[in-house]
Amino acid sequence: MRHTLIALIASIALCGGALAQGFKFSNEDNADKARETEQQAKVQALLASPCRAKIKNQKIMVLIGESRDGYLQTAQSSYGGHFDALNARLQRLGLKTFTQAQIKGQIAQAEIDAYFKNNPDAALSASRRLSAQYILRGLITSQAGYNTIVRVNQVSIHMAFTLTDANGRILSQTSAESASYSGVDTGGMALTLINEKADEVVAQLYSDYCRLGGP
């Protein structure tokens, strides 16, 4: 009798645990779907601004850099995936983008470095070389630390986006961020972050552009 009772209690405990775990997974799935739906609704609302005709065929140059331990990395060839993900979404809005080869062929690396150091003359010169009406700058920053709760190393990624016109006037600023418990590949983490957030980032930039009236 005693053994039977123990077996029954153990069975109930296992079933209870499985059910609790099942509810947990279900809740997580529902939360993910809710976040995705909310994000899609936000993107659609931002893109509802009726000013696409103003930017159709306007030229925009995307530049991406990374600040790591106080040093800037601005070699555009290091960020091909990031570059393509942003360009694809900008093209869907009707903008004309530049390839990395075009940027490299027309703009000196020293000039790109100066631009990321907030040199307004460099920004103006860079846009004129390619006759770009707009420049979208994405700056990746990372911070490594130790998470005392789960006791693992953690890397946080932050991406700041700034949209300026050919004269250096800031039209929009937005950002995205994420954290990971695995690896130190900040470039790969930033690419994952862009792929997750690019729709929302580009939609926010577009909405701000429309709000400010464009050129």
N, C-alpha and C. Protein backbone atom coordinates (compact mmCIF):
# COMPACT_ATOMS: atom_id res chain seq x y z
N MET A 1 0.84 -1.21 0.00
CA MET A 1 0.00 0.00 0.00
C MET A 1 0.87 1.25 0.00
N ARG A 2 1.89 1.19 0.85
CA ARG A 2 2.78 2.36 0.97
C ARG A 2 3.49 2.62 -0.35
N HIS A 3 3.97 1.51 -0.99
CA HIS A 3 4.68 1.66 -2.26
C HIS A 3 3.75 2.21 -3.35
N THR A 4 2.51 1.72 -3.30
CA THR A 4 1.52 2.18 -4.29
C THR A 4 1.26 3.67 -4.13
N LEU A 5 1.15 4.13 -2.87
CA LEU A 5 0.90 5.54 -2.59
C LEU A 5 2.06 6.41 -3.06
N ILE A 6 3.30 5.94 -2.81
CA ILE A 6 4.48 6.70 -3.24
C ILE A 6 4.51 6.81 -4.76
N ALA A 7 4.20 5.69 -5.43
CA ALA A 7 4.19 5.69 -6.90
C ALA A 7 3.14 6.64 -7.44
N LEU A 8 1.97 6.66 -6.78
CA LEU A 8 0.89 7.54 -7.20
C LEU A 8 1.28 9.01 -7.06
N ILE A 9 1.92 9.34 -5.92
CA ILE A 9 2.36 10.72 -5.68
C ILE A 9 3.40 11.14 -6.71
N ALA A 10 4.35 10.23 -6.99
CA ALA A 10 5.39 10.52 -7.98
C ALA A 10 4.79 10.76 -9.35
N SER A 11 3.79 9.93 -9.70
CA SER A 11 3.14 10.07 -11.01
C SER A 11 2.43 11.41 -11.13
N ILE A 12 1.75 11.80 -10.06
CA ILE A 12 1.04 13.09 -10.06
C ILE A 12 2.02 14.23 -10.18
N ALA A 13 3.16 14.11 -9.49
CA ALA A 13 4.18 15.17 -9.54
C ALA A 13 4.75 15.32 -10.93
N LEU A 14 5.02 14.17 -11.58
CA LEU A 14 5.56 14.23 -12.94
C LEU A 14 4.57 14.84 -13.91
N CYS A 15 3.32 14.42 -13.79
CA CYS A 15 2.28 14.97 -14.67
C CYS A 15 2.11 16.45 -14.44
N GLY A 16 2.12 16.83 -13.16
CA GLY A 16 1.98 18.25 -12.83
C GLY A 16 3.10 19.06 -13.40
N GLY A 17 4.35 18.51 -13.30
CA GLY A 17 5.50 19.21 -13.84
C GLY A 17 5.41 19.36 -15.34
N ALA A 18 5.00 18.28 -16.01
CA ALA A 18 4.88 18.33 -17.47
C ALA A 18 3.82 19.33 -17.89
N LEU A 19 2.69 19.32 -17.15
CA LEU A 19 1.63 20.27 -17.49
C LEU A 19 2.09 21.70 -17.28
N ALA A 20 2.80 21.94 -16.16
CA ALA A 20 3.29 23.29 -15.88
C ALA A 20 4.26 23.72 -16.96
N GLN A 21 5.13 22.78 -17.37
CA GLN A 21 6.10 23.12 -18.41
C GLN A 21 5.39 23.40 -19.72
N GLY A 22 4.35 22.59 -20.01
CA GLY A 22 3.60 22.81 -21.23
C GLY A 22 2.96 24.18 -21.26
N PHE A 23 2.36 24.56 -20.14
CA PHE A 23 1.76 25.89 -20.05
C PHE A 23 2.82 26.97 -20.22
N LYS A 24 4.01 26.73 -19.70
CA LYS A 24 5.08 27.71 -19.82
C LYS A 24 5.46 27.93 -21.28
N PHE A 25 5.65 26.80 -22.02
CA PHE A 25 5.99 26.92 -23.43
C PHE A 25 4.88 27.61 -24.20
N SER A 26 3.64 27.24 -23.89
CA SER A 26 2.51 27.85 -24.58
C SER A 26 2.45 29.34 -24.32
N ASN A 27 2.69 29.73 -23.08
CA ASN A 27 2.67 31.15 -22.73
C ASN A 27 3.77 31.90 -23.45
N GLU A 28 4.95 31.27 -23.55
CA GLU A 28 6.07 31.91 -24.24
C GLU A 28 5.75 32.09 -25.72
N ASP A 29 5.18 31.05 -26.33
CA ASP A 29 4.81 31.14 -27.75
C ASP A 29 3.79 32.25 -27.98
N ASN A 30 2.81 32.32 -27.09
CA ASN A 30 1.78 33.35 -27.22
C ASN A 30 2.38 34.74 -27.05
N ALA A 31 3.32 34.86 -26.12
CA ALA A 31 3.97 36.15 -25.89
C ALA A 31 4.78 36.56 -27.11
N ASP A 32 5.48 35.60 -27.72
CA ASP A 32 6.27 35.89 -28.92
C ASP A 32 5.36 36.33 -30.06
N LYS A 33 4.25 35.64 -30.24
CA LYS A 33 3.31 35.99 -31.30
C LYS A 33 2.71 37.37 -31.06
N ALA A 34 2.43 37.66 -29.80
CA ALA A 34 1.86 38.97 -29.47
C ALA A 34 2.86 40.08 -29.76
N ARG A 35 4.14 39.85 -29.41
CA ARG A 35 5.17 40.85 -29.70
C ARG A 35 5.35 41.05 -31.20
N GLU A 36 5.31 39.95 -31.94
CA GLU A 36 5.47 40.05 -33.39
C GLU A 36 4.31 40.81 -34.01
N THR A 37 3.10 40.51 -33.56
CA THR A 37 1.91 41.21 -34.07
C THR A 37 1.97 42.69 -33.74
N GLU A 38 2.40 42.99 -32.52
CA GLU A 38 2.52 44.39 -32.10
C GLU A 38 3.56 45.13 -32.93
N GLN A 39 4.69 44.47 -33.21
CA GLN A 39 5.74 45.09 -34.00
C GLN A 39 5.27 45.34 -35.43
N GLN A 40 4.57 44.37 -36.02
CA GLN A 40 4.06 44.54 -37.38
C GLN A 40 3.06 45.69 -37.46
N ALA A 41 2.21 45.79 -36.43
CA ALA A 41 1.23 46.87 -36.40
C ALA A 41 1.92 48.23 -36.29
N LYS A 42 2.98 48.28 -35.49
CA LYS A 42 3.74 49.53 -35.34
C LYS A 42 4.40 49.93 -36.65
N VAL A 43 4.98 48.95 -37.35
CA VAL A 43 5.63 49.23 -38.63
C VAL A 43 4.62 49.76 -39.64
N GLN A 44 3.46 49.12 -39.72
CA GLN A 44 2.44 49.56 -40.67
C GLN A 44 1.94 50.96 -40.34
N ALA A 45 1.81 51.27 -39.05
CA ALA A 45 1.37 52.60 -38.65
C ALA A 45 2.40 53.66 -39.04
N LEU A 46 3.68 53.34 -38.86
CA LEU A 46 4.75 54.28 -39.21
C LEU A 46 4.83 54.50 -40.72
N LEU A 47 4.57 53.46 -41.48
CA LEU A 47 4.65 53.56 -42.95
C LEU A 47 3.40 54.16 -43.57
N ALA A 48 2.40 54.46 -42.74
CA ALA A 48 1.15 54.99 -43.26
C ALA A 48 1.26 56.45 -43.69
N SER A 49 2.36 57.12 -43.31
CA SER A 49 2.54 58.53 -43.68
C SER A 49 2.57 58.65 -45.21
N PRO A 50 1.72 59.51 -45.78
CA PRO A 50 1.58 59.59 -47.25
C PRO A 50 2.62 60.49 -47.91
N CYS A 51 3.89 60.11 -47.86
CA CYS A 51 4.89 60.97 -48.50
C CYS A 51 5.92 60.18 -49.30
N ARG A 52 5.55 58.98 -49.73
CA ARG A 52 6.51 58.17 -50.49
C ARG A 52 6.90 58.82 -51.80
N ALA A 53 5.97 59.60 -52.37
CA ALA A 53 6.28 60.27 -53.63
C ALA A 53 7.47 61.22 -53.49
N LYS A 54 7.64 61.78 -52.29
CA LYS A 54 8.74 62.72 -52.06
C LYS A 54 10.11 62.04 -52.10
N ILE A 55 10.15 60.78 -51.68
CA ILE A 55 11.45 60.11 -51.62
C ILE A 55 11.69 59.15 -52.78
N LYS A 56 10.73 58.99 -53.64
CA LYS A 56 10.89 58.06 -54.76
C LYS A 56 12.08 58.49 -55.62
N ASN A 57 13.01 57.55 -55.82
CA ASN A 57 14.22 57.75 -56.62
C ASN A 57 15.24 58.70 -55.99
N GLN A 58 14.99 59.13 -54.74
CA GLN A 58 16.01 59.91 -54.04
C GLN A 58 17.16 58.97 -53.67
N LYS A 59 18.38 59.49 -53.69
CA LYS A 59 19.55 58.65 -53.44
C LYS A 59 19.93 58.70 -51.95
N ILE A 60 20.17 57.50 -51.39
CA ILE A 60 20.55 57.42 -49.99
C ILE A 60 21.78 56.51 -49.86
N MET A 61 22.73 56.95 -49.07
CA MET A 61 23.96 56.20 -48.84
C MET A 61 23.95 55.65 -47.41
N VAL A 62 24.20 54.36 -47.28
CA VAL A 62 24.25 53.71 -45.98
C VAL A 62 25.71 53.49 -45.60
N LEU A 63 26.07 53.92 -44.40
CA LEU A 63 27.41 53.70 -43.85
C LEU A 63 27.27 53.05 -42.48
N ILE A 64 28.09 52.03 -42.24
CA ILE A 64 28.01 51.32 -40.96
C ILE A 64 29.39 51.27 -40.33
N GLY A 65 29.45 51.52 -39.04
CA GLY A 65 30.71 51.46 -38.30
C GLY A 65 30.49 50.79 -36.96
N GLU A 66 31.59 50.50 -36.28
CA GLU A 66 31.51 49.83 -34.98
C GLU A 66 32.51 50.45 -34.02
N SER A 67 32.05 50.76 -32.83
CA SER A 67 32.91 51.27 -31.77
C SER A 67 33.17 50.13 -30.78
N ARG A 68 34.44 49.75 -30.69
CA ARG A 68 34.80 48.63 -29.82
C ARG A 68 36.00 49.02 -28.97
N ASP A 69 35.78 49.05 -27.67
CA ASP A 69 36.85 49.42 -26.74
C ASP A 69 37.46 50.78 -27.06
N GLY A 70 36.61 51.69 -27.51
CA GLY A 70 37.07 53.05 -27.79
C GLY A 70 37.65 53.25 -29.17
N TYR A 71 37.71 52.19 -29.98
CA TYR A 71 38.28 52.30 -31.32
C TYR A 71 37.17 52.13 -32.36
N LEU A 72 37.26 52.92 -33.42
CA LEU A 72 36.28 52.85 -34.49
C LEU A 72 36.73 51.88 -35.58
N GLN A 73 35.81 51.01 -36.02
CA GLN A 73 36.02 50.14 -37.16
C GLN A 73 35.02 50.55 -38.23
N THR A 74 35.50 51.12 -39.33
CA THR A 74 34.58 51.65 -40.33
C THR A 74 34.85 51.11 -41.73
N ALA A 75 35.59 50.00 -41.83
CA ALA A 75 35.80 49.37 -43.13
C ALA A 75 34.47 48.76 -43.58
N GLN A 76 33.85 49.35 -44.59
CA GLN A 76 32.51 48.96 -44.98
C GLN A 76 32.41 47.51 -45.44
N SER A 77 33.50 46.94 -45.91
CA SER A 77 33.49 45.56 -46.38
C SER A 77 33.23 44.57 -45.25
N SER A 78 33.36 45.00 -44.01
CA SER A 78 33.13 44.12 -42.86
C SER A 78 31.65 43.95 -42.53
N TYR A 79 30.81 44.73 -43.18
CA TYR A 79 29.39 44.76 -42.79
C TYR A 79 28.47 44.54 -43.99
N GLY A 80 28.85 43.59 -44.85
CA GLY A 80 28.05 43.33 -46.05
C GLY A 80 26.62 42.94 -45.75
N GLY A 81 26.42 42.01 -44.80
CA GLY A 81 25.07 41.56 -44.48
C GLY A 81 24.22 42.65 -43.87
N HIS A 82 24.81 43.45 -42.97
CA HIS A 82 24.10 44.56 -42.35
C HIS A 82 23.66 45.57 -43.42
N PHE A 83 24.60 45.85 -44.31
CA PHE A 83 24.41 46.80 -45.40
C PHE A 83 23.24 46.36 -46.30
N ASP A 84 23.26 45.09 -46.70
CA ASP A 84 22.24 44.57 -47.61
C ASP A 84 20.85 44.57 -46.96
N ALA A 85 20.80 44.22 -45.68
CA ALA A 85 19.51 44.17 -44.98
C ALA A 85 18.84 45.55 -44.95
N LEU A 86 19.63 46.59 -44.69
CA LEU A 86 19.08 47.95 -44.66
C LEU A 86 18.74 48.44 -46.06
N ASN A 87 19.65 48.20 -47.01
CA ASN A 87 19.41 48.66 -48.37
C ASN A 87 18.14 48.06 -48.97
N ALA A 88 17.90 46.78 -48.72
CA ALA A 88 16.72 46.12 -49.26
C ALA A 88 15.44 46.81 -48.79
N ARG A 89 15.41 47.19 -47.53
CA ARG A 89 14.21 47.82 -46.98
C ARG A 89 14.06 49.27 -47.48
N LEU A 90 15.17 49.96 -47.65
CA LEU A 90 15.13 51.32 -48.19
C LEU A 90 14.66 51.31 -49.64
N GLN A 91 15.08 50.31 -50.39
CA GLN A 91 14.68 50.20 -51.78
C GLN A 91 13.17 49.96 -51.91
N ARG A 92 12.62 49.21 -50.97
CA ARG A 92 11.17 48.96 -50.98
C ARG A 92 10.37 50.25 -50.82
N LEU A 93 10.98 51.24 -50.18
CA LEU A 93 10.31 52.54 -50.02
C LEU A 93 10.48 53.42 -51.26
N GLY A 94 11.28 52.96 -52.23
CA GLY A 94 11.47 53.72 -53.46
C GLY A 94 12.78 54.47 -53.53
N LEU A 95 13.61 54.36 -52.50
CA LEU A 95 14.90 55.05 -52.49
C LEU A 95 15.93 54.32 -53.35
N LYS A 96 16.87 55.08 -53.89
CA LYS A 96 17.98 54.53 -54.65
C LYS A 96 19.19 54.42 -53.72
N THR A 97 19.72 53.22 -53.58
CA THR A 97 20.85 53.01 -52.68
C THR A 97 22.13 52.79 -53.48
N PHE A 98 23.25 52.84 -52.78
CA PHE A 98 24.56 52.63 -53.39
C PHE A 98 25.15 51.31 -52.93
N THR A 99 25.88 50.66 -53.82
CA THR A 99 26.57 49.44 -53.43
C THR A 99 27.82 49.80 -52.64
N GLN A 100 28.36 48.82 -51.94
CA GLN A 100 29.59 49.06 -51.21
C GLN A 100 30.74 49.37 -52.15
N ALA A 101 30.74 48.74 -53.34
CA ALA A 101 31.79 49.02 -54.32
C ALA A 101 31.74 50.47 -54.79
N GLN A 102 30.53 51.01 -54.98
CA GLN A 102 30.39 52.41 -55.39
C GLN A 102 30.89 53.36 -54.30
N ILE A 103 30.57 53.04 -53.07
CA ILE A 103 31.01 53.88 -51.95
C ILE A 103 32.53 53.84 -51.83
N LYS A 104 33.09 52.64 -51.89
CA LYS A 104 34.53 52.49 -51.77
C LYS A 104 35.27 53.17 -52.91
N GLY A 105 34.68 53.15 -54.11
CA GLY A 105 35.33 53.74 -55.27
C GLY A 105 35.31 55.26 -55.27
N GLN A 106 34.37 55.86 -54.53
CA GLN A 106 34.21 57.31 -54.57
C GLN A 106 34.63 58.02 -53.29
N ILE A 107 34.62 57.31 -52.17
CA ILE A 107 34.88 57.96 -50.88
C ILE A 107 36.09 57.33 -50.22
N ALA A 108 37.05 58.13 -49.85
CA ALA A 108 38.27 57.63 -49.20
C ALA A 108 37.94 57.13 -47.79
N GLN A 109 38.68 56.11 -47.35
CA GLN A 109 38.46 55.55 -46.02
C GLN A 109 38.66 56.60 -44.93
N ALA A 110 39.62 57.48 -45.13
CA ALA A 110 39.88 58.53 -44.15
C ALA A 110 38.68 59.45 -44.01
N GLU A 111 37.97 59.65 -45.10
CA GLU A 111 36.79 60.51 -45.08
C GLU A 111 35.64 59.82 -44.33
N ILE A 112 35.51 58.51 -44.52
CA ILE A 112 34.49 57.76 -43.78
C ILE A 112 34.80 57.78 -42.29
N ASP A 113 36.08 57.61 -41.95
CA ASP A 113 36.49 57.67 -40.54
C ASP A 113 36.12 59.02 -39.93
N ALA A 114 36.40 60.09 -40.66
CA ALA A 114 36.10 61.44 -40.17
C ALA A 114 34.60 61.63 -39.97
N TYR A 115 33.82 61.05 -40.88
CA TYR A 115 32.37 61.18 -40.77
C TYR A 115 31.86 60.52 -39.48
N PHE A 116 32.40 59.35 -39.15
CA PHE A 116 31.97 58.67 -37.93
C PHE A 116 32.48 59.36 -36.68
N LYS A 117 33.43 60.26 -36.84
CA LYS A 117 33.91 61.06 -35.72
C LYS A 117 33.17 62.40 -35.66
N ASN A 118 32.02 62.44 -36.35
CA ASN A 118 31.12 63.60 -36.33
C ASN A 118 31.73 64.85 -36.94
N ASN A 119 32.49 64.66 -38.00
CA ASN A 119 33.03 65.78 -38.76
C ASN A 119 32.01 66.19 -39.81
N PRO A 120 31.35 67.34 -39.67
CA PRO A 120 30.29 67.73 -40.60
C PRO A 120 30.80 67.95 -42.02
N ASP A 121 32.02 68.42 -42.16
CA ASP A 121 32.57 68.63 -43.50
C ASP A 121 32.75 67.30 -44.23
N ALA A 122 33.13 66.27 -43.49
CA ALA A 122 33.30 64.95 -44.09
C ALA A 122 31.96 64.41 -44.57
N ALA A 123 30.90 64.63 -43.79
CA ALA A 123 29.57 64.18 -44.18
C ALA A 123 29.11 64.88 -45.45
N LEU A 124 29.35 66.18 -45.52
CA LEU A 124 28.94 66.96 -46.68
C LEU A 124 29.72 66.51 -47.92
N SER A 125 31.03 66.31 -47.75
CA SER A 125 31.87 65.89 -48.86
C SER A 125 31.47 64.50 -49.36
N ALA A 126 31.20 63.59 -48.42
CA ALA A 126 30.84 62.22 -48.79
C ALA A 126 29.54 62.19 -49.59
N SER A 127 28.55 62.94 -49.16
CA SER A 127 27.27 62.94 -49.86
C SER A 127 27.39 63.57 -51.25
N ARG A 128 28.22 64.60 -51.38
CA ARG A 128 28.39 65.26 -52.68
C ARG A 128 29.10 64.37 -53.68
N ARG A 129 30.03 63.55 -53.20
CA ARG A 129 30.79 62.69 -54.11
C ARG A 129 29.88 61.72 -54.86
N LEU A 130 28.83 61.27 -54.20
CA LEU A 130 27.91 60.32 -54.83
C LEU A 130 26.57 60.96 -55.17
N SER A 131 26.49 62.28 -55.02
CA SER A 131 25.24 63.01 -55.25
C SER A 131 24.09 62.40 -54.44
N ALA A 132 24.39 62.05 -53.20
CA ALA A 132 23.39 61.45 -52.33
C ALA A 132 22.58 62.52 -51.63
N GLN A 133 21.25 62.35 -51.65
CA GLN A 133 20.39 63.29 -50.93
C GLN A 133 20.35 63.01 -49.43
N TYR A 134 20.62 61.73 -49.06
CA TYR A 134 20.54 61.34 -47.65
C TYR A 134 21.66 60.38 -47.30
N ILE A 135 22.03 60.39 -46.03
CA ILE A 135 22.99 59.42 -45.50
C ILE A 135 22.38 58.77 -44.26
N LEU A 136 22.41 57.45 -44.25
CA LEU A 136 21.96 56.71 -43.07
C LEU A 136 23.19 56.08 -42.42
N ARG A 137 23.47 56.49 -41.21
CA ARG A 137 24.63 55.97 -40.48
C ARG A 137 24.17 55.03 -39.38
N GLY A 138 24.76 53.85 -39.36
CA GLY A 138 24.49 52.89 -38.29
C GLY A 138 25.76 52.65 -37.50
N LEU A 139 25.73 52.90 -36.21
CA LEU A 139 26.91 52.73 -35.37
C LEU A 139 26.65 51.62 -34.34
N ILE A 140 27.48 50.58 -34.39
CA ILE A 140 27.36 49.45 -33.48
C ILE A 140 28.26 49.68 -32.28
N THR A 141 27.72 49.52 -31.09
CA THR A 141 28.55 49.55 -29.88
C THR A 141 28.24 48.30 -29.07
N SER A 142 29.25 47.78 -28.41
CA SER A 142 29.07 46.55 -27.63
C SER A 142 29.66 46.73 -26.24
N GLN A 143 29.11 45.98 -25.31
CA GLN A 143 29.59 46.02 -23.93
C GLN A 143 29.55 44.60 -23.35
N ALA A 144 30.69 44.13 -22.90
CA ALA A 144 30.78 42.79 -22.32
C ALA A 144 30.75 42.89 -20.80
N GLY A 145 30.12 41.91 -20.17
CA GLY A 145 30.05 41.90 -18.72
C GLY A 145 29.70 40.52 -18.21
N TYR A 146 29.60 40.40 -16.91
CA TYR A 146 29.26 39.12 -16.29
C TYR A 146 27.90 39.23 -15.64
N ASN A 147 26.99 38.34 -16.05
CA ASN A 147 25.65 38.33 -15.49
C ASN A 147 25.65 37.50 -14.22
N THR A 148 25.49 38.16 -13.10
CA THR A 148 25.60 37.48 -11.81
C THR A 148 24.38 36.59 -11.52
N ILE A 149 23.27 36.81 -12.21
CA ILE A 149 22.07 36.03 -11.96
C ILE A 149 22.20 34.62 -12.55
N VAL A 150 22.58 34.57 -13.84
CA VAL A 150 22.73 33.26 -14.50
C VAL A 150 24.18 32.80 -14.54
N ARG A 151 25.09 33.65 -14.05
CA ARG A 151 26.50 33.32 -13.92
C ARG A 151 27.16 32.94 -15.24
N VAL A 152 26.97 33.78 -16.22
CA VAL A 152 27.63 33.59 -17.52
C VAL A 152 28.05 34.95 -18.05
N ASN A 153 29.00 34.93 -18.99
CA ASN A 153 29.39 36.18 -19.65
C ASN A 153 28.29 36.63 -20.58
N GLN A 154 28.09 37.91 -20.67
CA GLN A 154 27.03 38.48 -21.51
C GLN A 154 27.58 39.61 -22.35
N VAL A 155 27.14 39.67 -23.60
CA VAL A 155 27.52 40.76 -24.49
C VAL A 155 26.27 41.50 -24.91
N SER A 156 26.24 42.80 -24.68
CA SER A 156 25.11 43.64 -25.08
C SER A 156 25.48 44.42 -26.34
N ILE A 157 24.56 44.45 -27.29
CA ILE A 157 24.76 45.16 -28.55
C ILE A 157 23.76 46.30 -28.66
N HIS A 158 24.26 47.46 -29.04
CA HIS A 158 23.40 48.62 -29.25
C HIS A 158 23.71 49.20 -30.63
N MET A 159 22.67 49.47 -31.40
CA MET A 159 22.86 50.09 -32.71
C MET A 159 22.11 51.42 -32.77
N ALA A 160 22.84 52.48 -33.06
CA ALA A 160 22.24 53.81 -33.18
C ALA A 160 22.20 54.19 -34.66
N PHE A 161 21.05 54.62 -35.13
CA PHE A 161 20.87 55.00 -36.52
C PHE A 161 20.56 56.50 -36.62
N THR A 162 21.26 57.17 -37.52
CA THR A 162 21.04 58.60 -37.73
C THR A 162 20.82 58.86 -39.21
N LEU A 163 19.72 59.49 -39.54
CA LEU A 163 19.43 59.86 -40.93
C LEU A 163 19.64 61.36 -41.09
N THR A 164 20.51 61.74 -42.03
CA THR A 164 20.77 63.15 -42.30
C THR A 164 20.54 63.44 -43.77
N ASP A 165 20.32 64.72 -44.07
CA ASP A 165 20.21 65.10 -45.47
C ASP A 165 21.60 65.47 -45.99
N ALA A 166 21.66 65.90 -47.25
CA ALA A 166 22.95 66.17 -47.88
C ALA A 166 23.72 67.30 -47.21
N ASN A 167 23.01 68.16 -46.50
CA ASN A 167 23.66 69.29 -45.81
C ASN A 167 24.02 68.97 -44.36
N GLY A 168 23.80 67.73 -43.96
CA GLY A 168 24.14 67.34 -42.60
C GLY A 168 23.04 67.55 -41.58
N ARG A 169 21.86 68.00 -42.01
CA ARG A 169 20.75 68.22 -41.07
C ARG A 169 20.19 66.88 -40.63
N ILE A 170 20.07 66.68 -39.32
CA ILE A 170 19.55 65.43 -38.78
C ILE A 170 18.03 65.38 -38.97
N LEU A 171 17.57 64.32 -39.64
CA LEU A 171 16.14 64.14 -39.87
C LEU A 171 15.53 63.14 -38.91
N SER A 172 16.33 62.18 -38.48
CA SER A 172 15.80 61.16 -37.58
C SER A 172 16.93 60.45 -36.86
N GLN A 173 16.63 60.02 -35.65
CA GLN A 173 17.56 59.19 -34.86
C GLN A 173 16.75 58.11 -34.16
N THR A 174 17.20 56.88 -34.27
CA THR A 174 16.53 55.78 -33.59
C THR A 174 17.58 54.73 -33.25
N SER A 175 17.18 53.71 -32.49
CA SER A 175 18.16 52.71 -32.06
C SER A 175 17.49 51.36 -31.84
N ALA A 176 18.33 50.34 -31.69
CA ALA A 176 17.88 48.99 -31.37
C ALA A 176 18.95 48.35 -30.51
N GLU A 177 18.56 47.40 -29.66
CA GLU A 177 19.54 46.77 -28.80
C GLU A 177 19.14 45.34 -28.47
N SER A 178 20.16 44.55 -28.09
CA SER A 178 19.92 43.15 -27.76
C SER A 178 21.06 42.67 -26.88
N ALA A 179 20.91 41.47 -26.30
CA ALA A 179 21.95 40.88 -25.45
C ALA A 179 22.05 39.40 -25.74
N SER A 180 23.25 38.85 -25.57
CA SER A 180 23.48 37.45 -25.82
C SER A 180 24.38 36.86 -24.74
N TYR A 181 24.17 35.59 -24.45
CA TYR A 181 24.99 34.90 -23.45
C TYR A 181 26.06 34.03 -24.11
N SER A 182 26.15 34.05 -25.44
CA SER A 182 27.08 33.15 -26.11
C SER A 182 27.98 33.92 -27.06
N GLY A 183 29.27 33.61 -27.00
CA GLY A 183 30.22 34.12 -27.96
C GLY A 183 30.52 35.60 -27.83
N VAL A 184 31.49 36.03 -28.63
CA VAL A 184 31.88 37.44 -28.63
C VAL A 184 31.85 38.00 -30.05
N ASP A 185 31.10 37.36 -30.94
CA ASP A 185 30.99 37.81 -32.32
C ASP A 185 30.00 38.97 -32.38
N THR A 186 30.47 40.17 -32.09
CA THR A 186 29.57 41.32 -32.05
C THR A 186 29.00 41.64 -33.42
N GLY A 187 29.79 41.42 -34.47
CA GLY A 187 29.29 41.68 -35.82
C GLY A 187 28.13 40.76 -36.16
N GLY A 188 28.26 39.49 -35.80
CA GLY A 188 27.18 38.54 -36.05
C GLY A 188 25.95 38.84 -35.23
N MET A 189 26.15 39.23 -33.98
CA MET A 189 25.02 39.61 -33.14
C MET A 189 24.32 40.84 -33.68
N ALA A 190 25.11 41.80 -34.19
CA ALA A 190 24.52 43.02 -34.74
C ALA A 190 23.71 42.71 -36.00
N LEU A 191 24.19 41.75 -36.81
CA LEU A 191 23.45 41.37 -38.01
C LEU A 191 22.12 40.73 -37.63
N THR A 192 22.14 39.87 -36.62
CA THR A 192 20.90 39.26 -36.13
C THR A 192 19.94 40.34 -35.64
N LEU A 193 20.49 41.32 -34.92
CA LEU A 193 19.67 42.42 -34.41
C LEU A 193 19.06 43.22 -35.56
N ILE A 194 19.83 43.50 -36.60
CA ILE A 194 19.31 44.24 -37.75
C ILE A 194 18.19 43.47 -38.42
N ASN A 195 18.40 42.17 -38.62
CA ASN A 195 17.38 41.37 -39.28
C ASN A 195 16.08 41.32 -38.47
N GLU A 196 16.21 41.41 -37.15
CA GLU A 196 15.03 41.40 -36.29
C GLU A 196 14.35 42.76 -36.23
N LYS A 197 15.14 43.83 -36.30
CA LYS A 197 14.60 45.16 -36.04
C LYS A 197 14.58 46.10 -37.24
N ALA A 198 15.16 45.67 -38.37
CA ALA A 198 15.34 46.60 -39.50
C ALA A 198 14.02 47.18 -40.00
N ASP A 199 12.97 46.36 -40.06
CA ASP A 199 11.68 46.87 -40.54
C ASP A 199 11.21 48.03 -39.68
N GLU A 200 11.32 47.86 -38.37
CA GLU A 200 10.87 48.90 -37.44
C GLU A 200 11.77 50.13 -37.51
N VAL A 201 13.08 49.90 -37.61
CA VAL A 201 14.03 51.01 -37.67
C VAL A 201 13.80 51.85 -38.92
N VAL A 202 13.71 51.20 -40.07
CA VAL A 202 13.52 51.93 -41.33
C VAL A 202 12.16 52.63 -41.35
N ALA A 203 11.14 51.99 -40.81
CA ALA A 203 9.82 52.61 -40.74
C ALA A 203 9.85 53.87 -39.87
N GLN A 204 10.58 53.82 -38.76
CA GLN A 204 10.70 54.99 -37.88
C GLN A 204 11.43 56.13 -38.58
N LEU A 205 12.50 55.80 -39.29
CA LEU A 205 13.24 56.81 -40.04
C LEU A 205 12.35 57.45 -41.10
N TYR A 206 11.60 56.62 -41.78
CA TYR A 206 10.68 57.12 -42.82
C TYR A 206 9.61 58.04 -42.21
N SER A 207 9.04 57.62 -41.10
CA SER A 207 8.00 58.42 -40.46
C SER A 207 8.54 59.78 -40.02
N ASP A 208 9.74 59.78 -39.44
CA ASP A 208 10.35 61.04 -39.01
C ASP A 208 10.64 61.95 -40.22
N TYR A 209 11.11 61.35 -41.29
CA TYR A 209 11.36 62.11 -42.51
C TYR A 209 10.07 62.79 -42.98
N CYS A 210 8.99 62.02 -43.01
CA CYS A 210 7.70 62.57 -43.46
C CYS A 210 7.22 63.67 -42.53
N ARG A 211 7.43 63.47 -41.24
CA ARG A 211 6.97 64.46 -40.25
C ARG A 211 7.71 65.80 -40.39
N LEU A 212 8.99 65.70 -40.74
CA LEU A 212 9.79 66.91 -40.89
C LEU A 212 9.64 67.57 -42.26
N GLY A 213 8.87 66.92 -43.12
CA GLY A 213 8.56 67.56 -44.40
C GLY A 213 9.55 67.29 -45.51
N GLY A 214 10.59 66.48 -45.25
CA GLY A 214 11.54 66.16 -46.31
C GLY A 214 12.35 67.37 -46.74
N PRO A 215 12.83 67.36 -47.99
CA PRO A 215 13.69 68.45 -48.46
C PRO A 215 12.94 69.75 -48.58
